[in-house]
């Protein structure tokens, strides 16, 4: 293999690694956003049943939750609201 071929092969390998890195970073970002951005913070959620007398948005799926009966949960630590 010539020096030019070695250089091209090295650049090709580097580009493949950069693409894999970018894909992994994108997947991590998507997962963290889906979990409310606190997936890596180490905060444990402690949920209790809640009633929502005003329309509230689920912090996990963005669904609207409200009503007089206990149809959702709220985290005591960060007030995150989620639907059942």
PDB file of N, CA and C in Angstrom:
ATOM      1  N   UNK A   1       0.832  -1.173   0.000  1.00  0.00           N
ATOM      2  CA  UNK A   1       0.000   0.000   0.000  1.00  0.00           C
ATOM      3  C   UNK A   1       0.884   1.246   0.000  1.00  0.00           C
ATOM      4  N   UNK A   2       0.525   2.195  -0.811  1.00  0.00           N
ATOM      5  CA  UNK A   2       1.315   3.423  -0.894  1.00  0.00           C
ATOM      6  C   UNK A   2       0.926   4.364   0.239  1.00  0.00           C
ATOM      7  N   UNK A   3       1.700   5.399   0.408  1.00  0.00           N
ATOM      8  CA  UNK A   3       1.438   6.392   1.455  1.00  0.00           C
ATOM      9  C   UNK A   3       0.099   7.077   1.209  1.00  0.00           C
ATOM     10  N   UNK A   4      -0.218   7.359  -0.070  1.00  0.00           N
ATOM     11  CA  UNK A   4      -1.496   7.990  -0.387  1.00  0.00           C
ATOM     12  C   UNK A   4      -2.665   7.072  -0.037  1.00  0.00           C
ATOM     13  N   UNK A   5      -2.534   5.785  -0.315  1.00  0.00           N
ATOM     14  CA  UNK A   5      -3.595   4.843   0.010  1.00  0.00           C
ATOM     15  C   UNK A   5      -3.778   4.707   1.517  1.00  0.00           C
ATOM     16  N   UNK A   6      -2.661   4.696   2.250  1.00  0.00           N
ATOM     17  CA  UNK A   6      -2.732   4.638   3.715  1.00  0.00           C
ATOM     18  C   UNK A   6      -3.433   5.877   4.266  1.00  0.00           C
ATOM     19  N   UNK A   7      -3.124   7.027   3.712  1.00  0.00           N
ATOM     20  CA  UNK A   7      -3.733   8.280   4.162  1.00  0.00           C
ATOM     21  C   UNK A   7      -5.239   8.257   3.888  1.00  0.00           C
ATOM     22  N   UNK A   8      -5.634   7.819   2.690  1.00  0.00           N
ATOM     23  CA  UNK A   8      -7.052   7.745   2.351  1.00  0.00           C
ATOM     24  C   UNK A   8      -7.792   6.748   3.241  1.00  0.00           C
ATOM     25  N   UNK A   9      -7.187   5.612   3.497  1.00  0.00           N
ATOM     26  CA  UNK A   9      -7.812   4.601   4.352  1.00  0.00           C
ATOM     27  C   UNK A   9      -7.956   5.119   5.784  1.00  0.00           C
ATOM     28  N   UNK A  10      -6.960   5.834   6.264  1.00  0.00           N
ATOM     29  CA  UNK A  10      -7.034   6.412   7.609  1.00  0.00           C
ATOM     30  C   UNK A  10      -8.144   7.451   7.695  1.00  0.00           C
ATOM     31  N   UNK A  11      -8.265   8.281   6.685  1.00  0.00           N
ATOM     32  CA  UNK A  11      -9.326   9.291   6.662  1.00  0.00           C
ATOM     33  C   UNK A  11     -10.702   8.644   6.578  1.00  0.00           C
ATOM     34  N   UNK A  12     -10.829   7.570   5.798  1.00  0.00           N
ATOM     35  CA  UNK A  12     -12.096   6.866   5.700  1.00  0.00           C
ATOM     36  C   UNK A  12     -12.486   6.288   7.056  1.00  0.00           C
ATOM     37  N   UNK A  13     -11.539   5.669   7.753  1.00  0.00           N
ATOM     38  CA  UNK A  13     -11.798   5.104   9.068  1.00  0.00           C
ATOM     39  C   UNK A  13     -12.195   6.200  10.062  1.00  0.00           C
ATOM     40  N   UNK A  14     -11.496   7.340  10.024  1.00  0.00           N
ATOM     41  CA  UNK A  14     -11.806   8.457  10.903  1.00  0.00           C
ATOM     42  C   UNK A  14     -13.223   8.976  10.652  1.00  0.00           C
ATOM     43  N   UNK A  15     -13.620   9.070   9.402  1.00  0.00           N
ATOM     44  CA  UNK A  15     -14.957   9.547   9.061  1.00  0.00           C
ATOM     45  C   UNK A  15     -16.030   8.580   9.576  1.00  0.00           C
ATOM     46  N   UNK A  16     -15.795   7.289   9.452  1.00  0.00           N
ATOM     47  CA  UNK A  16     -16.733   6.284   9.964  1.00  0.00           C
ATOM     48  C   UNK A  16     -16.888   6.440  11.474  1.00  0.00           C
ATOM     49  N   UNK A  17     -15.799   6.677  12.184  1.00  0.00           N
ATOM     50  CA  UNK A  17     -15.850   6.862  13.634  1.00  0.00           C
ATOM     51  C   UNK A  17     -16.586   8.143  14.013  1.00  0.00           C
ATOM     52  N   UNK A  18     -16.398   9.213  13.262  1.00  0.00           N
ATOM     53  CA  UNK A  18     -17.091  10.475  13.527  1.00  0.00           C
ATOM     54  C   UNK A  18     -18.601  10.322  13.327  1.00  0.00           C
ATOM     55  N   UNK A  19     -18.994   9.589  12.295  1.00  0.00           N
ATOM     56  CA  UNK A  19     -20.422   9.348  12.044  1.00  0.00           C
ATOM     57  C   UNK A  19     -21.029   8.545  13.187  1.00  0.00           C
ATOM     58  N   UNK A  20     -20.327   7.510  13.643  1.00  0.00           N
ATOM     59  CA  UNK A  20     -20.820   6.691  14.756  1.00  0.00           C
ATOM     60  C   UNK A  20     -20.941   7.525  16.027  1.00  0.00           C
ATOM     61  N   UNK A  21     -19.994   8.403  16.274  1.00  0.00           N
ATOM     62  CA  UNK A  21     -20.028   9.271  17.451  1.00  0.00           C
ATOM     63  C   UNK A  21     -21.228  10.213  17.390  1.00  0.00           C
ATOM     64  N   UNK A  22     -21.461  10.817  16.231  1.00  0.00           N
ATOM     65  CA  UNK A  22     -22.581  11.741  16.064  1.00  0.00           C
ATOM     66  C   UNK A  22     -23.914  11.026  16.267  1.00  0.00           C
ATOM     67  N   UNK A  23     -24.051   9.812  15.731  1.00  0.00           N
ATOM     68  CA  UNK A  23     -25.275   9.038  15.914  1.00  0.00           C
ATOM     69  C   UNK A  23     -25.512   8.724  17.386  1.00  0.00           C
ATOM     70  N   UNK A  24     -24.463   8.327  18.107  1.00  0.00           N
ATOM     71  CA  UNK A  24     -24.590   7.997  19.521  1.00  0.00           C
ATOM     72  C   UNK A  24     -24.985   9.230  20.333  1.00  0.00           C
ATOM     73  N   UNK A  25     -24.376  10.383  20.052  1.00  0.00           N
ATOM     74  CA  UNK A  25     -24.721  11.618  20.759  1.00  0.00           C
ATOM     75  C   UNK A  25     -26.171  12.005  20.505  1.00  0.00           C
ATOM     76  N   UNK A  26     -26.641  11.817  19.278  1.00  0.00           N
ATOM     77  CA  UNK A  26     -28.019  12.129  18.945  1.00  0.00           C
ATOM     78  C   UNK A  26     -28.987  11.212  19.691  1.00  0.00           C
ATOM     79  N   UNK A  27     -28.665   9.931  19.770  1.00  0.00           N
ATOM     80  CA  UNK A  27     -29.518   8.986  20.482  1.00  0.00           C
ATOM     81  C   UNK A  27     -29.572   9.306  21.971  1.00  0.00           C
ATOM     82  N   UNK A  28     -28.441   9.663  22.555  1.00  0.00           N
ATOM     83  CA  UNK A  28     -28.397  10.019  23.973  1.00  0.00           C
ATOM     84  C   UNK A  28     -29.249  11.251  24.226  1.00  0.00           C
ATOM     85  N   UNK A  29     -29.139  12.232  23.349  1.00  0.00           N
ATOM     86  CA  UNK A  29     -29.925  13.463  23.485  1.00  0.00           C
ATOM     87  C   UNK A  29     -31.422  13.175  23.392  1.00  0.00           C
ATOM     88  N   UNK A  30     -31.814  12.343  22.447  1.00  0.00           N
ATOM     89  CA  UNK A  30     -33.228  12.001  22.266  1.00  0.00           C
ATOM     90  C   UNK A  30     -33.774  11.279  23.491  1.00  0.00           C
ATOM     91  N   UNK A  31     -33.013  10.354  24.028  1.00  0.00           N
ATOM     92  CA  UNK A  31     -33.451   9.607  25.216  1.00  0.00           C
ATOM     93  C   UNK A  31     -33.555  10.535  26.421  1.00  0.00           C
ATOM     94  N   UNK A  32     -32.581  11.408  26.606  1.00  0.00           N
ATOM     95  CA  UNK A  32     -32.598  12.339  27.736  1.00  0.00           C
ATOM     96  C   UNK A  32     -33.791  13.286  27.649  1.00  0.00           C
ATOM     97  N   UNK A  33     -34.117  13.766  26.457  1.00  0.00           N
ATOM     98  CA  UNK A  33     -35.275  14.644  26.275  1.00  0.00           C
ATOM     99  C   UNK A  33     -36.566  13.896  26.593  1.00  0.00           C
ATOM    100  N   UNK A  34     -36.651  12.631  26.166  1.00  0.00           N
ATOM    101  CA  UNK A  34     -37.841  11.827  26.433  1.00  0.00           C
ATOM    102  C   UNK A  34     -38.054  11.563  27.907  1.00  0.00           C
ATOM    103  N   UNK A  35     -36.989  11.568  28.661  1.00  0.00           N
ATOM    104  CA  UNK A  35     -37.090  11.335  30.101  1.00  0.00           C
ATOM    105  C   UNK A  35     -37.150  12.632  30.889  1.00  0.00           C
ATOM    106  N   UNK A  36     -37.362  13.731  30.218  1.00  0.00           N
ATOM    107  CA  UNK A  36     -37.500  15.008  30.907  1.00  0.00           C
ATOM    108  C   UNK A  36     -36.191  15.710  31.169  1.00  0.00           C
ATOM    109  N   UNK A  37     -35.113  15.246  30.581  1.00  0.00           N
ATOM    110  CA  UNK A  37     -33.834  15.913  30.734  1.00  0.00           C
ATOM    111  C   UNK A  37     -33.105  15.589  32.025  1.00  0.00           C
ATOM    112  N   UNK A  38     -33.715  14.838  32.940  1.00  0.00           N
ATOM    113  CA  UNK A  38     -33.056  14.550  34.206  1.00  0.00           C
ATOM    114  C   UNK A  38     -32.601  13.098  34.311  1.00  0.00           C
ATOM    115  N   UNK A  39     -32.506  12.418  33.192  1.00  0.00           N
ATOM    116  CA  UNK A  39     -32.183  10.990  33.208  1.00  0.00           C
ATOM    117  C   UNK A  39     -30.813  10.717  33.811  1.00  0.00           C
ATOM    118  N   UNK A  40     -29.877  11.628  33.641  1.00  0.00           N
ATOM    119  CA  UNK A  40     -28.522  11.397  34.110  1.00  0.00           C
ATOM    120  C   UNK A  40     -28.217  12.152  35.400  1.00  0.00           C
ATOM    121  N   UNK A  41     -29.191  12.800  35.993  1.00  0.00           N
ATOM    122  CA  UNK A  41     -28.937  13.616  37.176  1.00  0.00           C
ATOM    123  C   UNK A  41     -28.892  12.798  38.461  1.00  0.00           C
ATOM    124  N   UNK A  42     -29.384  11.566  38.420  1.00  0.00           N
ATOM    125  CA  UNK A  42     -29.361  10.721  39.601  1.00  0.00           C
ATOM    126  C   UNK A  42     -30.483  11.019  40.588  1.00  0.00           C
ATOM    127  N   UNK A  43     -31.442  11.842  40.203  1.00  0.00           N
ATOM    128  CA  UNK A  43     -32.559  12.178  41.083  1.00  0.00           C
ATOM    129  C   UNK A  43     -33.604  11.069  40.992  1.00  0.00           C
ATOM    130  N   UNK A  44     -33.941  10.490  42.146  1.00  0.00           N
ATOM    131  CA  UNK A  44     -34.988   9.477  42.168  1.00  0.00           C
ATOM    132  C   UNK A  44     -36.335  10.178  42.348  1.00  0.00           C
ATOM    133  N   UNK A  45     -37.312   9.788  41.564  1.00  0.00           N
ATOM    134  CA  UNK A  45     -38.643  10.378  41.673  1.00  0.00           C
ATOM    135  C   UNK A  45     -39.448   9.639  42.727  1.00  0.00           C
ATOM    136  N   UNK A  46     -40.197  10.381  43.530  1.00  0.00           N
ATOM    137  CA  UNK A  46     -41.116   9.820  44.517  1.00  0.00           C
ATOM    138  C   UNK A  46     -42.491  10.366  44.162  1.00  0.00           C
ATOM    139  N   UNK A  47     -43.307   9.535  43.494  1.00  0.00           N
ATOM    140  CA  UNK A  47     -44.611   9.970  43.001  1.00  0.00           C
ATOM    141  C   UNK A  47     -45.713   9.685  44.007  1.00  0.00           C
ATOM    142  N   UNK A  48     -46.703  10.578  44.063  1.00  0.00           N
ATOM    143  CA  UNK A  48     -47.917  10.355  44.838  1.00  0.00           C
ATOM    144  C   UNK A  48     -49.107  10.707  43.955  1.00  0.00           C
ATOM    145  N   UNK A  49     -50.259  10.067  44.230  1.00  0.00           N
ATOM    146  CA  UNK A  49     -51.454  10.309  43.423  1.00  0.00           C
ATOM    147  C   UNK A  49     -51.878  11.755  43.551  1.00  0.00           C
ATOM    148  N   UNK A  50     -52.343  12.322  42.426  1.00  0.00           N
ATOM    149  CA  UNK A  50     -52.751  13.726  42.414  1.00  0.00           C
ATOM    150  C   UNK A  50     -54.017  13.919  41.614  1.00  0.00           C
ATOM    151  N   UNK A  51     -54.761  14.954  41.975  1.00  0.00           N
ATOM    152  CA  UNK A  51     -55.905  15.419  41.193  1.00  0.00           C
ATOM    153  C   UNK A  51     -55.506  16.751  40.578  1.00  0.00           C
ATOM    154  N   UNK A  52     -55.935  16.988  39.362  1.00  0.00           N
ATOM    155  CA  UNK A  52     -55.573  18.201  38.651  1.00  0.00           C
ATOM    156  C   UNK A  52     -56.847  18.960  38.323  1.00  0.00           C
ATOM    157  N   UNK A  53     -57.153  19.996  39.099  1.00  0.00           N
ATOM    158  CA  UNK A  53     -58.389  20.752  38.911  1.00  0.00           C
ATOM    159  C   UNK A  53     -58.282  21.748  37.762  1.00  0.00           C
ATOM    160  N   UNK A  54     -57.065  22.016  37.316  1.00  0.00           N
ATOM    161  CA  UNK A  54     -56.864  22.831  36.123  1.00  0.00           C
ATOM    162  C   UNK A  54     -56.125  21.967  35.110  1.00  0.00           C
ATOM    163  N   UNK A  55     -56.345  22.176  33.822  1.00  0.00           N
ATOM    164  CA  UNK A  55     -55.632  21.360  32.826  1.00  0.00           C
ATOM    165  C   UNK A  55     -54.121  21.450  33.024  1.00  0.00           C
ATOM    166  N   UNK A  56     -53.500  20.288  33.068  1.00  0.00           N
ATOM    167  CA  UNK A  56     -52.060  20.177  33.276  1.00  0.00           C
ATOM    168  C   UNK A  56     -51.503  19.281  32.183  1.00  0.00           C
ATOM    169  N   UNK A  57     -50.296  19.534  31.767  1.00  0.00           N
ATOM    170  CA  UNK A  57     -49.660  18.721  30.739  1.00  0.00           C
ATOM    171  C   UNK A  57     -48.755  17.686  31.391  1.00  0.00           C
ATOM    172  N   UNK A  58     -48.867  16.438  30.945  1.00  0.00           N
ATOM    173  CA  UNK A  58     -47.993  15.372  31.417  1.00  0.00           C
ATOM    174  C   UNK A  58     -46.565  15.709  31.011  1.00  0.00           C
ATOM    175  N   UNK A  59     -45.637  15.676  31.964  1.00  0.00           N
ATOM    176  CA  UNK A  59     -44.243  16.001  31.686  1.00  0.00           C
ATOM    177  C   UNK A  59     -43.512  14.874  30.959  1.00  0.00           C
ATOM    178  N   UNK A  60     -44.160  13.729  30.823  1.00  0.00           N
ATOM    179  CA  UNK A  60     -43.534  12.609  30.114  1.00  0.00           C
ATOM    180  C   UNK A  60     -44.035  12.501  28.676  1.00  0.00           C
ATOM    181  N   UNK A  61     -45.378  12.506  28.477  1.00  0.00           N
ATOM    182  CA  UNK A  61     -45.933  12.271  27.139  1.00  0.00           C
ATOM    183  C   UNK A  61     -46.649  13.481  26.546  1.00  0.00           C
ATOM    184  N   UNK A  62     -46.738  14.579  27.285  1.00  0.00           N
ATOM    185  CA  UNK A  62     -47.379  15.825  26.857  1.00  0.00           C
ATOM    186  C   UNK A  62     -48.897  15.718  26.713  1.00  0.00           C
ATOM    187  N   UNK A  63     -49.506  14.673  27.239  1.00  0.00           N
ATOM    188  CA  UNK A  63     -50.963  14.522  27.218  1.00  0.00           C
ATOM    189  C   UNK A  63     -51.570  15.441  28.284  1.00  0.00           C
ATOM    190  N   UNK A  64     -52.751  15.974  28.009  1.00  0.00           N
ATOM    191  CA  UNK A  64     -53.443  16.828  28.978  1.00  0.00           C
ATOM    192  C   UNK A  64     -54.070  15.960  30.066  1.00  0.00           C
ATOM    193  N   UNK A  65     -53.910  16.364  31.325  1.00  0.00           N
ATOM    194  CA  UNK A  65     -54.517  15.646  32.443  1.00  0.00           C
ATOM    195  C   UNK A  65     -55.236  16.654  33.343  1.00  0.00           C
ATOM    196  N   UNK A  66     -56.460  16.319  33.726  1.00  0.00           N
ATOM    197  CA  UNK A  66     -57.218  17.144  34.661  1.00  0.00           C
ATOM    198  C   UNK A  66     -58.471  16.407  35.067  1.00  0.00           C
ATOM    199  N   UNK A  67     -59.093  16.849  36.136  1.00  0.00           N
ATOM    200  CA  UNK A  67     -60.323  16.248  36.617  1.00  0.00           C
ATOM    201  C   UNK A  67     -60.358  16.192  38.131  1.00  0.00           C
ATOM    202  N   UNK A  68     -61.461  15.714  38.681  1.00  0.00           N
ATOM    203  CA  UNK A  68     -61.625  15.703  40.130  1.00  0.00           C
ATOM    204  C   UNK A  68     -61.082  14.440  40.792  1.00  0.00           C
ATOM    205  N   UNK A  69     -61.057  13.333  40.071  1.00  0.00           N
ATOM    206  CA  UNK A  69     -60.534  12.103  40.669  1.00  0.00           C
ATOM    207  C   UNK A  69     -59.023  12.047  40.469  1.00  0.00           C
ATOM    208  N   UNK A  70     -58.367  11.244  41.252  1.00  0.00           N
ATOM    209  CA  UNK A  70     -56.904  11.115  41.173  1.00  0.00           C
ATOM    210  C   UNK A  70     -56.523  10.325  39.924  1.00  0.00           C
ATOM    211  N   UNK A  71     -56.207  11.014  38.872  1.00  0.00           N
ATOM    212  CA  UNK A  71     -55.909  10.377  37.598  1.00  0.00           C
ATOM    213  C   UNK A  71     -54.459  10.558  37.165  1.00  0.00           C
ATOM    214  N   UNK A  72     -53.614  11.102  38.025  1.00  0.00           N
ATOM    215  CA  UNK A  72     -52.214  11.313  37.681  1.00  0.00           C
ATOM    216  C   UNK A  72     -51.343  11.243  38.916  1.00  0.00           C
ATOM    217  N   UNK A  73     -50.067  11.475  38.712  1.00  0.00           N
ATOM    218  CA  UNK A  73     -49.105  11.441  39.804  1.00  0.00           C
ATOM    219  C   UNK A  73     -48.220  12.677  39.723  1.00  0.00           C
ATOM    220  N   UNK A  74     -47.743  13.144  40.878  1.00  0.00           N
ATOM    221  CA  UNK A  74     -46.820  14.266  40.945  1.00  0.00           C
ATOM    222  C   UNK A  74     -45.616  13.836  41.774  1.00  0.00           C
ATOM    223  N   UNK A  75     -44.432  14.159  41.299  1.00  0.00           N
ATOM    224  CA  UNK A  75     -43.208  13.847  42.035  1.00  0.00           C
ATOM    225  C   UNK A  75     -43.063  14.851  43.179  1.00  0.00           C
ATOM    226  N   UNK A  76     -42.802  14.357  44.369  1.00  0.00           N
ATOM    227  CA  UNK A  76     -42.649  15.235  45.525  1.00  0.00           C
ATOM    228  C   UNK A  76     -41.374  16.070  45.423  1.00  0.00           C
ATOM    229  N   UNK A  77     -40.352  15.553  44.750  1.00  0.00           N
ATOM    230  CA  UNK A  77     -39.070  16.250  44.700  1.00  0.00           C
ATOM    231  C   UNK A  77     -39.006  17.407  43.714  1.00  0.00           C
ATOM    232  N   UNK A  78     -39.512  17.193  42.502  1.00  0.00           N
ATOM    233  CA  UNK A  78     -39.385  18.252  41.489  1.00  0.00           C
ATOM    234  C   UNK A  78     -40.730  18.651  40.875  1.00  0.00           C
ATOM    235  N   UNK A  79     -41.842  18.198  41.457  1.00  0.00           N
ATOM    236  CA  UNK A  79     -43.203  18.532  41.020  1.00  0.00           C
ATOM    237  C   UNK A  79     -43.494  18.126  39.589  1.00  0.00           C
ATOM    238  N   UNK A  80     -42.813  17.107  39.090  1.00  0.00           N
ATOM    239  CA  UNK A  80     -43.089  16.550  37.763  1.00  0.00           C
ATOM    240  C   UNK A  80     -44.444  15.869  37.797  1.00  0.00           C
ATOM    241  N   UNK A  81     -45.328  16.189  36.843  1.00  0.00           N
ATOM    242  CA  UNK A  81     -46.658  15.592  36.774  1.00  0.00           C
ATOM    243  C   UNK A  81     -46.728  14.597  35.625  1.00  0.00           C
ATOM    244  N   UNK A  82     -47.309  13.426  35.892  1.00  0.00           N
ATOM    245  CA  UNK A  82     -47.438  12.408  34.856  1.00  0.00           C
ATOM    246  C   UNK A  82     -48.830  11.785  34.919  1.00  0.00           C
ATOM    247  N   UNK A  83     -49.305  11.307  33.765  1.00  0.00           N
ATOM    248  CA  UNK A  83     -50.597  10.649  33.664  1.00  0.00           C
ATOM    249  C   UNK A  83     -50.416   9.182  34.025  1.00  0.00           C
ATOM    250  N   UNK A  84     -51.496   8.547  34.441  1.00  0.00           N
ATOM    251  CA  UNK A  84     -51.442   7.121  34.828  1.00  0.00           C
ATOM    252  C   UNK A  84     -51.066   6.293  33.622  1.00  0.00           C
TER     253      UNK A  84
END
